[in-house]
Amino acid sequence: FAVPEQQARRPREPRQRTRPDLSVLADVDRSQLQRATTRGLKQFGLFLELNDYPGVQGLLPFALVPARLRDSVKEDYADGNEMDVLIHEVDVEARKLTLSLMHNKRPDVSKW
């Protein structure tokens, strides 16, 4: 069984994924909640796009989601659903954005 040359499979070229410039987030207040839309679900976390920064996507790793919330986050936030997140870490050079659901800081008790 011979396959005509035109129909023969050609090796796929690696798909180049462009990542947006995250320097737009350099001055964003990380204590402020950001509205984001779910763009993908993987075993290790959710990919979300920040609504106020079109094209800017980040990862909400399940490791940063409290254990009691993990199952509901996986089930309730399908593609296109919105949620509030915090900017956890911005690596402008590597163009990686990590998001979280909660503050990872202790309360400032000096004001009490």
Protein backbone atom coordinates (compact mmCIF):
# COMPACT_ATOMS: atom_id res chain seq x y z
CA PHE A 1 0.00 0.00 0.00
CA ALA A 2 1.76 3.11 -1.23
CA VAL A 3 0.88 6.61 -0.07
CA PRO A 4 1.12 9.28 -2.76
CA GLU A 5 3.80 11.87 -2.06
CA GLN A 6 1.29 14.66 -1.69
CA GLN A 7 -0.54 12.80 1.09
CA ALA A 8 2.56 11.61 2.91
CA ARG A 9 2.86 13.01 6.40
CA ARG A 10 5.31 15.78 6.82
CA PRO A 11 7.07 16.23 10.13
CA ARG A 12 5.44 18.93 12.20
CA GLU A 13 7.40 22.02 12.94
CA PRO A 14 7.44 22.92 16.62
CA ARG A 15 4.73 25.44 17.34
CA GLN A 16 6.17 28.69 18.58
CA ARG A 17 4.10 30.01 21.44
CA THR A 18 4.47 33.70 21.93
CA ARG A 19 4.21 34.96 25.45
CA PRO A 20 3.16 38.53 26.11
CA ASP A 21 5.42 41.14 27.63
CA LEU A 22 4.69 41.02 31.35
CA SER A 23 6.34 44.35 32.10
CA VAL A 24 2.80 45.80 32.00
CA LEU A 25 2.32 44.11 35.38
CA ALA A 26 5.43 45.58 37.00
CA ASP A 27 3.51 48.27 38.90
CA VAL A 28 0.33 46.31 39.62
CA ASP A 29 -0.65 46.17 43.29
CA ARG A 30 -0.36 42.47 44.14
CA SER A 31 -2.75 42.80 47.05
CA GLN A 32 -5.59 43.73 44.69
CA LEU A 33 -7.77 41.00 43.26
CA GLN A 34 -7.68 40.60 39.50
CA ARG A 35 -10.63 39.24 37.51
CA ALA A 36 -9.50 36.41 35.22
CA THR A 37 -11.09 34.01 32.74
CA THR A 38 -10.20 30.32 32.65
CA ARG A 39 -8.44 29.34 29.44
CA GLY A 40 -7.33 25.78 30.21
CA LEU A 41 -7.20 23.06 32.83
CA LYS A 42 -4.21 20.77 33.33
CA GLN A 43 -3.44 18.30 36.12
CA PHE A 44 -1.07 20.82 37.70
CA GLY A 45 -3.25 23.94 37.52
CA LEU A 46 -5.52 26.35 35.70
CA PHE A 47 -4.44 28.71 32.95
CA LEU A 48 -6.22 32.06 33.25
CA GLU A 49 -6.25 35.26 31.23
CA LEU A 50 -6.35 38.52 33.17
CA ASN A 51 -9.43 40.44 32.06
CA ASP A 52 -7.82 43.89 32.45
CA TYR A 53 -4.75 42.78 30.43
CA PRO A 54 -5.99 41.03 27.25
CA GLY A 55 -3.62 38.32 26.07
CA VAL A 56 -1.81 38.10 29.41
CA GLN A 57 -2.20 34.59 30.77
CA GLY A 58 -0.88 33.04 33.92
CA LEU A 59 -0.92 29.77 35.79
CA LEU A 60 -2.79 29.13 39.02
CA PRO A 61 -0.89 26.05 40.24
CA PHE A 62 -2.96 23.69 42.35
CA ALA A 63 -0.05 23.67 44.81
CA LEU A 64 -1.04 27.26 45.69
CA VAL A 65 -4.73 26.38 46.13
CA PRO A 66 -5.71 25.37 49.68
CA ALA A 67 -6.35 21.61 49.82
CA ARG A 68 -9.97 22.10 50.89
CA LEU A 69 -10.67 24.12 47.70
CA ARG A 70 -8.78 22.08 45.07
CA ASP A 71 -11.61 19.77 44.03
CA SER A 72 -14.15 22.58 43.73
CA VAL A 73 -11.74 24.74 41.72
CA LYS A 74 -11.10 21.84 39.31
CA GLU A 75 -14.81 21.15 38.91
CA ASP A 76 -16.31 24.65 38.99
CA TYR A 77 -13.94 26.59 36.75
CA ALA A 78 -14.28 25.16 33.26
CA ASP A 79 -13.07 27.03 30.19
CA GLY A 80 -14.53 30.51 29.99
CA ASN A 81 -15.55 30.83 33.64
CA GLU A 82 -14.32 33.82 35.62
CA MET A 83 -12.71 34.00 39.04
CA ASP A 84 -10.79 36.45 41.21
CA VAL A 85 -7.07 35.83 41.63
CA LEU A 86 -4.00 37.52 43.02
CA ILE A 87 -0.74 38.02 41.18
CA HIS A 88 1.67 35.77 43.07
CA GLU A 89 4.83 36.15 40.99
CA VAL A 90 5.83 37.88 37.78
CA ASP A 91 9.00 36.80 35.97
CA VAL A 92 9.28 39.43 33.22
CA GLU A 93 12.42 37.92 31.70
CA ALA A 94 11.03 34.38 31.46
CA ARG A 95 7.55 35.77 30.68
CA LYS A 96 5.92 33.63 33.34
CA LEU A 97 3.02 34.72 35.51
CA THR A 98 1.98 32.78 38.59
CA LEU A 99 -1.42 33.46 40.14
CA SER A 100 -2.89 32.51 43.51
CA LEU A 101 -6.17 32.63 45.37
CA MET A 102 -4.88 33.90 48.70
CA HIS A 103 -2.30 36.23 50.17
CA ASN A 104 0.89 34.49 51.19
CA LYS A 105 1.73 37.16 53.72
CA ARG A 106 1.19 37.33 57.43
CA PRO A 107 -1.08 40.14 58.62
CA ASP A 108 0.60 43.40 59.53
CA VAL A 109 0.05 43.45 63.29
CA SER A 110 2.04 46.64 63.81
CA LYS A 111 -1.17 48.64 63.19
CA TRP A 112 -3.18 46.79 65.85
